[in-house]
Amino acid sequence: MDETKSDLVKAWLLKAQRDLIAARKLSGEDEPFLDIAIYHCQQAAEKAIKGFLVYRDQRFEKTHDLRILLELALPFEAGFSSLKAAAVLLTPYATEFRYPGDFLDPSREEFEEAMEATRKVWEFVLSLVPSEAHP
């Protein structure tokens, strides 16, 4: 992989890593902000998958729908099919708690489930991308 591409993949993965760290920090405060933390879970998974797609030279449209991104990744790695449940779970968190509505905050259990799904996506993507592109 050339240096320019490696730097771009690394940039996507660094943004994903920072979203993951933000989710952990926001959920661990004395007064946690689980609505914002769960949003960062979705964002971390989205950016990790987009980093993989950049690594594989696969173009993608602007979307927050992880199911669409997985469909683009599947031809390169069949193992992405194991993340479909995570994509279904996480996709709504791109918007669900971002604006006023019926629910202001997710439950702690809902957040923990989202964090675990995000961790699976993150670790899977890192296992597929060469180490020189890791943050």
N, C-alpha and C. Protein backbone atom coordinates (compact mmCIF):
# COMPACT_ATOMS: atom_id res chain seq x y z
N MET A 1 0.87 -1.17 0.00
CA MET A 1 0.00 0.00 0.00
C MET A 1 0.91 1.22 0.00
N ASP A 2 0.58 2.17 -0.90
CA ASP A 2 1.41 3.36 -0.95
C ASP A 2 1.15 4.26 0.26
N GLU A 3 2.06 5.18 0.50
CA GLU A 3 2.01 6.01 1.70
C GLU A 3 0.77 6.90 1.77
N THR A 4 0.36 7.45 0.63
CA THR A 4 -0.82 8.32 0.61
C THR A 4 -2.06 7.55 1.03
N LYS A 5 -2.23 6.37 0.47
CA LYS A 5 -3.39 5.55 0.82
C LYS A 5 -3.31 5.10 2.27
N SER A 6 -2.14 4.69 2.71
CA SER A 6 -1.96 4.28 4.10
C SER A 6 -2.33 5.41 5.06
N ASP A 7 -1.91 6.63 4.72
CA ASP A 7 -2.22 7.79 5.57
C ASP A 7 -3.72 8.06 5.62
N LEU A 8 -4.42 7.87 4.49
CA LEU A 8 -5.85 8.11 4.46
C LEU A 8 -6.60 7.06 5.27
N VAL A 9 -6.22 5.80 5.12
CA VAL A 9 -6.83 4.73 5.91
C VAL A 9 -6.58 4.99 7.39
N LYS A 10 -5.35 5.35 7.72
CA LYS A 10 -5.00 5.63 9.12
C LYS A 10 -5.82 6.80 9.66
N ALA A 11 -6.06 7.81 8.83
CA ALA A 11 -6.86 8.97 9.27
C ALA A 11 -8.30 8.55 9.60
N TRP A 12 -8.90 7.70 8.76
CA TRP A 12 -10.25 7.19 9.05
C TRP A 12 -10.25 6.40 10.35
N LEU A 13 -9.24 5.54 10.51
CA LEU A 13 -9.19 4.70 11.71
C LEU A 13 -8.88 5.51 12.97
N LEU A 14 -8.10 6.55 12.82
CA LEU A 14 -7.83 7.42 13.97
C LEU A 14 -9.11 8.13 14.41
N LYS A 15 -9.89 8.61 13.46
CA LYS A 15 -11.17 9.24 13.80
C LYS A 15 -12.09 8.22 14.49
N ALA A 16 -12.10 7.00 13.98
CA ALA A 16 -12.91 5.94 14.61
C ALA A 16 -12.43 5.68 16.03
N GLN A 17 -11.13 5.59 16.21
CA GLN A 17 -10.57 5.34 17.53
C GLN A 17 -10.93 6.46 18.50
N ARG A 18 -10.88 7.70 18.03
CA ARG A 18 -11.22 8.83 18.90
C ARG A 18 -12.70 8.82 19.26
N ASP A 19 -13.56 8.42 18.32
CA ASP A 19 -14.98 8.28 18.66
C ASP A 19 -15.19 7.20 19.72
N LEU A 20 -14.45 6.12 19.60
CA LEU A 20 -14.55 5.04 20.58
C LEU A 20 -14.08 5.52 21.96
N ILE A 21 -12.98 6.24 22.00
CA ILE A 21 -12.47 6.79 23.26
C ILE A 21 -13.47 7.79 23.83
N ALA A 22 -14.04 8.63 22.98
CA ALA A 22 -15.03 9.61 23.44
C ALA A 22 -16.23 8.90 24.06
N ALA A 23 -16.69 7.82 23.43
CA ALA A 23 -17.83 7.07 23.97
C ALA A 23 -17.51 6.54 25.35
N ARG A 24 -16.31 5.99 25.51
CA ARG A 24 -15.91 5.46 26.82
C ARG A 24 -15.87 6.57 27.87
N LYS A 25 -15.27 7.69 27.51
CA LYS A 25 -15.15 8.79 28.47
C LYS A 25 -16.52 9.37 28.83
N LEU A 26 -17.35 9.59 27.84
CA LEU A 26 -18.67 10.18 28.10
C LEU A 26 -19.57 9.25 28.92
N SER A 27 -19.35 7.97 28.80
CA SER A 27 -20.19 7.02 29.54
C SER A 27 -19.66 6.77 30.95
N GLY A 28 -18.42 7.16 31.20
CA GLY A 28 -17.81 6.86 32.48
C GLY A 28 -17.82 8.00 33.48
N GLU A 29 -18.35 9.12 33.09
CA GLU A 29 -18.39 10.27 33.98
C GLU A 29 -19.35 10.03 35.15
N ASP A 30 -19.21 10.84 36.22
CA ASP A 30 -20.15 10.76 37.34
C ASP A 30 -21.58 11.00 36.86
N GLU A 31 -21.71 11.92 35.95
CA GLU A 31 -23.00 12.18 35.31
C GLU A 31 -22.82 11.87 33.81
N PRO A 32 -22.98 10.61 33.42
CA PRO A 32 -22.69 10.21 32.05
C PRO A 32 -23.65 10.84 31.03
N PHE A 33 -23.12 11.06 29.85
CA PHE A 33 -23.91 11.55 28.72
C PHE A 33 -24.08 10.39 27.75
N LEU A 34 -24.97 9.47 28.09
CA LEU A 34 -25.13 8.26 27.29
C LEU A 34 -25.69 8.53 25.91
N ASP A 35 -26.47 9.59 25.75
CA ASP A 35 -27.00 9.92 24.43
C ASP A 35 -25.88 10.29 23.46
N ILE A 36 -24.92 11.04 23.94
CA ILE A 36 -23.79 11.43 23.10
C ILE A 36 -22.82 10.26 22.95
N ALA A 37 -22.63 9.51 24.02
CA ALA A 37 -21.73 8.36 23.98
C ALA A 37 -22.18 7.32 22.96
N ILE A 38 -23.48 7.05 22.92
CA ILE A 38 -23.98 6.02 22.00
C ILE A 38 -23.87 6.50 20.54
N TYR A 39 -24.01 7.79 20.35
CA TYR A 39 -23.78 8.37 19.01
C TYR A 39 -22.34 8.11 18.58
N HIS A 40 -21.40 8.29 19.49
CA HIS A 40 -20.00 8.07 19.15
C HIS A 40 -19.71 6.59 18.89
N CYS A 41 -20.48 5.69 19.48
CA CYS A 41 -20.35 4.27 19.14
C CYS A 41 -20.66 4.06 17.67
N GLN A 42 -21.80 4.60 17.23
CA GLN A 42 -22.18 4.46 15.82
C GLN A 42 -21.11 5.08 14.92
N GLN A 43 -20.65 6.25 15.30
CA GLN A 43 -19.65 6.94 14.49
C GLN A 43 -18.34 6.16 14.40
N ALA A 44 -17.92 5.55 15.49
CA ALA A 44 -16.69 4.76 15.49
C ALA A 44 -16.81 3.58 14.52
N ALA A 45 -17.94 2.88 14.57
CA ALA A 45 -18.14 1.75 13.67
C ALA A 45 -18.20 2.22 12.22
N GLU A 46 -18.91 3.30 11.98
CA GLU A 46 -19.02 3.84 10.62
C GLU A 46 -17.65 4.19 10.04
N LYS A 47 -16.87 4.90 10.80
CA LYS A 47 -15.56 5.35 10.31
C LYS A 47 -14.58 4.18 10.16
N ALA A 48 -14.69 3.18 11.02
CA ALA A 48 -13.83 2.00 10.88
C ALA A 48 -14.14 1.28 9.57
N ILE A 49 -15.42 1.08 9.29
CA ILE A 49 -15.79 0.40 8.04
C ILE A 49 -15.38 1.24 6.83
N LYS A 50 -15.58 2.53 6.91
CA LYS A 50 -15.16 3.41 5.82
C LYS A 50 -13.64 3.34 5.62
N GLY A 51 -12.89 3.22 6.71
CA GLY A 51 -11.45 3.04 6.59
C GLY A 51 -11.10 1.78 5.84
N PHE A 52 -11.82 0.69 6.12
CA PHE A 52 -11.60 -0.55 5.39
C PHE A 52 -11.93 -0.38 3.91
N LEU A 53 -13.04 0.30 3.63
CA LEU A 53 -13.42 0.52 2.22
C LEU A 53 -12.38 1.34 1.48
N VAL A 54 -11.81 2.32 2.12
CA VAL A 54 -10.73 3.11 1.51
C VAL A 54 -9.53 2.20 1.24
N TYR A 55 -9.20 1.35 2.20
CA TYR A 55 -8.11 0.40 2.03
C TYR A 55 -8.32 -0.48 0.80
N ARG A 56 -9.57 -0.87 0.56
CA ARG A 56 -9.89 -1.73 -0.59
C ARG A 56 -10.25 -0.94 -1.85
N ASP A 57 -10.05 0.37 -1.83
CA ASP A 57 -10.35 1.25 -2.98
C ASP A 57 -11.81 1.18 -3.40
N GLN A 58 -12.69 0.98 -2.44
CA GLN A 58 -14.13 0.91 -2.72
C GLN A 58 -14.76 2.26 -2.42
N ARG A 59 -15.32 2.87 -3.43
CA ARG A 59 -16.01 4.14 -3.24
C ARG A 59 -17.30 3.92 -2.46
N PHE A 60 -17.72 4.96 -1.75
CA PHE A 60 -18.97 4.89 -1.01
C PHE A 60 -19.60 6.27 -1.00
N GLU A 61 -20.92 6.26 -0.97
CA GLU A 61 -21.67 7.51 -0.87
C GLU A 61 -21.70 7.96 0.58
N LYS A 62 -22.01 9.22 0.79
CA LYS A 62 -22.15 9.72 2.15
C LYS A 62 -23.37 9.05 2.77
N THR A 63 -23.14 8.28 3.84
CA THR A 63 -24.23 7.59 4.52
C THR A 63 -23.81 7.29 5.95
N HIS A 64 -24.79 7.19 6.82
CA HIS A 64 -24.56 6.74 8.19
C HIS A 64 -25.09 5.32 8.38
N ASP A 65 -25.62 4.73 7.31
CA ASP A 65 -26.23 3.41 7.38
C ASP A 65 -25.15 2.33 7.29
N LEU A 66 -24.87 1.71 8.42
CA LEU A 66 -23.82 0.70 8.46
C LEU A 66 -24.16 -0.53 7.63
N ARG A 67 -25.44 -0.79 7.43
CA ARG A 67 -25.84 -1.93 6.60
C ARG A 67 -25.39 -1.74 5.16
N ILE A 68 -25.51 -0.53 4.67
CA ILE A 68 -25.06 -0.22 3.31
C ILE A 68 -23.55 -0.38 3.21
N LEU A 69 -22.84 0.12 4.21
CA LEU A 69 -21.38 0.02 4.20
C LEU A 69 -20.92 -1.43 4.27
N LEU A 70 -21.61 -2.25 5.06
CA LEU A 70 -21.26 -3.68 5.12
C LEU A 70 -21.46 -4.35 3.77
N GLU A 71 -22.54 -4.00 3.09
CA GLU A 71 -22.79 -4.59 1.77
C GLU A 71 -21.65 -4.26 0.80
N LEU A 72 -21.09 -3.08 0.92
CA LEU A 72 -19.95 -2.70 0.08
C LEU A 72 -18.68 -3.45 0.47
N ALA A 73 -18.55 -3.79 1.75
CA ALA A 73 -17.35 -4.47 2.24
C ALA A 73 -17.39 -5.98 2.02
N LEU A 74 -18.58 -6.55 1.96
CA LEU A 74 -18.73 -8.01 1.86
C LEU A 74 -17.99 -8.65 0.68
N PRO A 75 -17.98 -8.06 -0.51
CA PRO A 75 -17.25 -8.71 -1.61
C PRO A 75 -15.75 -8.86 -1.35
N PHE A 76 -15.22 -8.05 -0.46
CA PHE A 76 -13.79 -8.10 -0.15
C PHE A 76 -13.49 -9.03 1.03
N GLU A 77 -14.48 -9.18 1.92
CA GLU A 77 -14.28 -9.99 3.13
C GLU A 77 -15.63 -10.51 3.61
N ALA A 78 -15.83 -11.81 3.41
CA ALA A 78 -17.11 -12.43 3.78
C ALA A 78 -17.40 -12.34 5.27
N GLY A 79 -16.37 -12.19 6.09
CA GLY A 79 -16.54 -12.10 7.52
C GLY A 79 -17.36 -10.91 7.98
N PHE A 80 -17.53 -9.91 7.11
CA PHE A 80 -18.37 -8.78 7.48
C PHE A 80 -19.82 -9.20 7.71
N SER A 81 -20.20 -10.35 7.16
CA SER A 81 -21.57 -10.82 7.39
C SER A 81 -21.83 -11.09 8.87
N SER A 82 -20.79 -11.38 9.62
CA SER A 82 -20.95 -11.62 11.06
C SER A 82 -21.24 -10.33 11.82
N LEU A 83 -21.14 -9.20 11.16
CA LEU A 83 -21.38 -7.91 11.82
C LEU A 83 -22.73 -7.30 11.45
N LYS A 84 -23.56 -8.07 10.76
CA LYS A 84 -24.86 -7.52 10.35
C LYS A 84 -25.72 -7.11 11.55
N ALA A 85 -25.73 -7.91 12.60
CA ALA A 85 -26.51 -7.56 13.79
C ALA A 85 -25.99 -6.27 14.41
N ALA A 86 -24.68 -6.11 14.43
CA ALA A 86 -24.09 -4.87 14.96
C ALA A 86 -24.52 -3.68 14.11
N ALA A 87 -24.54 -3.85 12.80
CA ALA A 87 -24.95 -2.76 11.90
C ALA A 87 -26.40 -2.37 12.12
N VAL A 88 -27.25 -3.37 12.28
CA VAL A 88 -28.68 -3.10 12.53
C VAL A 88 -28.85 -2.37 13.87
N LEU A 89 -28.12 -2.81 14.87
CA LEU A 89 -28.21 -2.19 16.20
C LEU A 89 -27.70 -0.75 16.18
N LEU A 90 -26.54 -0.52 15.57
CA LEU A 90 -25.87 0.77 15.68
C LEU A 90 -26.39 1.85 14.74
N THR A 91 -26.87 1.48 13.57
CA THR A 91 -27.27 2.48 12.57
C THR A 91 -28.22 3.54 13.13
N PRO A 92 -29.26 3.18 13.85
CA PRO A 92 -30.19 4.23 14.33
C PRO A 92 -29.55 5.25 15.27
N TYR A 93 -28.44 4.89 15.90
CA TYR A 93 -27.83 5.80 16.86
C TYR A 93 -27.13 6.98 16.19
N ALA A 94 -27.06 6.98 14.88
CA ALA A 94 -26.53 8.16 14.17
C ALA A 94 -27.44 9.36 14.37
N THR A 95 -28.74 9.09 14.62
CA THR A 95 -29.69 10.19 14.77
C THR A 95 -30.65 10.05 15.95
N GLU A 96 -30.86 8.84 16.45
CA GLU A 96 -31.95 8.58 17.40
C GLU A 96 -31.94 9.47 18.64
N PHE A 97 -30.79 9.68 19.22
CA PHE A 97 -30.71 10.48 20.45
C PHE A 97 -30.09 11.85 20.21
N ARG A 98 -29.88 12.20 18.96
CA ARG A 98 -29.20 13.45 18.64
C ARG A 98 -30.12 14.66 18.70
N TYR A 99 -31.40 14.43 18.60
CA TYR A 99 -32.36 15.53 18.54
C TYR A 99 -33.48 15.28 19.55
N PRO A 100 -34.18 16.33 19.96
CA PRO A 100 -35.30 16.11 20.88
C PRO A 100 -36.32 15.15 20.28
N GLY A 101 -36.87 14.32 21.13
CA GLY A 101 -37.85 13.36 20.66
C GLY A 101 -38.44 12.59 21.83
N ASP A 102 -38.90 11.41 21.54
CA ASP A 102 -39.54 10.60 22.56
C ASP A 102 -38.57 10.17 23.66
N PHE A 103 -37.32 9.90 23.29
CA PHE A 103 -36.34 9.40 24.25
C PHE A 103 -35.14 10.34 24.29
N LEU A 104 -34.79 10.78 25.47
CA LEU A 104 -33.65 11.67 25.61
C LEU A 104 -32.35 10.91 25.79
N ASP A 105 -32.40 9.78 26.48
CA ASP A 105 -31.19 9.02 26.77
C ASP A 105 -31.43 7.53 26.60
N PRO A 106 -30.40 6.83 26.11
CA PRO A 106 -30.49 5.37 26.12
C PRO A 106 -30.26 4.85 27.53
N SER A 107 -30.66 3.63 27.78
CA SER A 107 -30.38 3.02 29.07
C SER A 107 -28.91 2.63 29.12
N ARG A 108 -28.41 2.38 30.30
CA ARG A 108 -27.02 1.91 30.46
C ARG A 108 -26.85 0.60 29.72
N GLU A 109 -27.84 -0.29 29.81
CA GLU A 109 -27.77 -1.58 29.12
C GLU A 109 -27.70 -1.39 27.60
N GLU A 110 -28.51 -0.49 27.08
CA GLU A 110 -28.50 -0.21 25.64
C GLU A 110 -27.14 0.33 25.22
N PHE A 111 -26.58 1.22 26.02
CA PHE A 111 -25.26 1.76 25.70
C PHE A 111 -24.21 0.65 25.71
N GLU A 112 -24.22 -0.20 26.74
CA GLU A 112 -23.22 -1.27 26.84
C GLU A 112 -23.32 -2.22 25.64
N GLU A 113 -24.52 -2.50 25.20
CA GLU A 113 -24.72 -3.36 24.03
C GLU A 113 -24.13 -2.68 22.78
N ALA A 114 -24.35 -1.39 22.66
CA ALA A 114 -23.80 -0.65 21.53
C ALA A 114 -22.27 -0.62 21.58
N MET A 115 -21.73 -0.44 22.77
CA MET A 115 -20.27 -0.42 22.92
C MET A 115 -19.66 -1.75 22.53
N GLU A 116 -20.29 -2.84 22.93
CA GLU A 116 -19.79 -4.17 22.57
C GLU A 116 -19.87 -4.39 21.06
N ALA A 117 -20.95 -3.98 20.44
CA ALA A 117 -21.07 -4.11 18.98
C ALA A 117 -19.99 -3.29 18.28
N THR A 118 -19.74 -2.10 18.78
CA THR A 118 -18.72 -1.23 18.20
C THR A 118 -17.34 -1.86 18.35
N ARG A 119 -17.06 -2.42 19.51
CA ARG A 119 -15.78 -3.08 19.74
C ARG A 119 -15.56 -4.21 18.74
N LYS A 120 -16.60 -4.97 18.45
CA LYS A 120 -16.49 -6.07 17.48
C LYS A 120 -16.15 -5.54 16.09
N VAL A 121 -16.83 -4.48 15.68
CA VAL A 121 -16.55 -3.89 14.37
C VAL A 121 -15.11 -3.38 14.33
N TRP A 122 -14.74 -2.64 15.35
CA TRP A 122 -13.39 -2.05 15.43
C TRP A 122 -12.31 -3.13 15.34
N GLU A 123 -12.42 -4.14 16.15
CA GLU A 123 -11.41 -5.20 16.18
C GLU A 123 -11.37 -5.98 14.87
N PHE A 124 -12.54 -6.21 14.27
CA PHE A 124 -12.58 -6.93 13.01
C PHE A 124 -11.88 -6.13 11.91
N VAL A 125 -12.19 -4.85 11.82
CA VAL A 125 -11.56 -4.01 10.80
C VAL A 125 -10.05 -3.96 11.01
N LEU A 126 -9.61 -3.76 12.24
CA LEU A 126 -8.16 -3.72 12.49
C LEU A 126 -7.48 -5.01 12.09
N SER A 127 -8.17 -6.14 12.22
CA SER A 127 -7.57 -7.42 11.85
C SER A 127 -7.38 -7.55 10.34
N LEU A 128 -8.07 -6.72 9.57
CA LEU A 128 -8.02 -6.81 8.10
C LEU A 128 -7.09 -5.80 7.45
N VAL A 129 -6.79 -4.75 8.18
CA VAL A 129 -6.00 -3.64 7.63
C VAL A 129 -4.56 -3.81 8.07
N PRO A 130 -3.61 -3.61 7.15
CA PRO A 130 -2.19 -3.75 7.53
C PRO A 130 -1.82 -2.84 8.71
N SER A 131 -0.92 -3.31 9.52
CA SER A 131 -0.56 -2.57 10.76
C SER A 131 -0.03 -1.18 10.48
N GLU A 132 0.58 -0.94 9.33
CA GLU A 132 1.10 0.40 9.04
C GLU A 132 -0.03 1.42 8.87
N ALA A 133 -1.25 0.94 8.70
CA ALA A 133 -2.40 1.85 8.59
C ALA A 133 -3.17 1.97 9.91
N HIS A 134 -2.70 1.30 10.94
CA HIS A 134 -3.36 1.40 12.26
C HIS A 134 -2.99 2.73 12.90
N PRO A 135 -3.91 3.30 13.67
CA PRO A 135 -3.58 4.55 14.37
C PRO A 135 -2.57 4.31 15.49
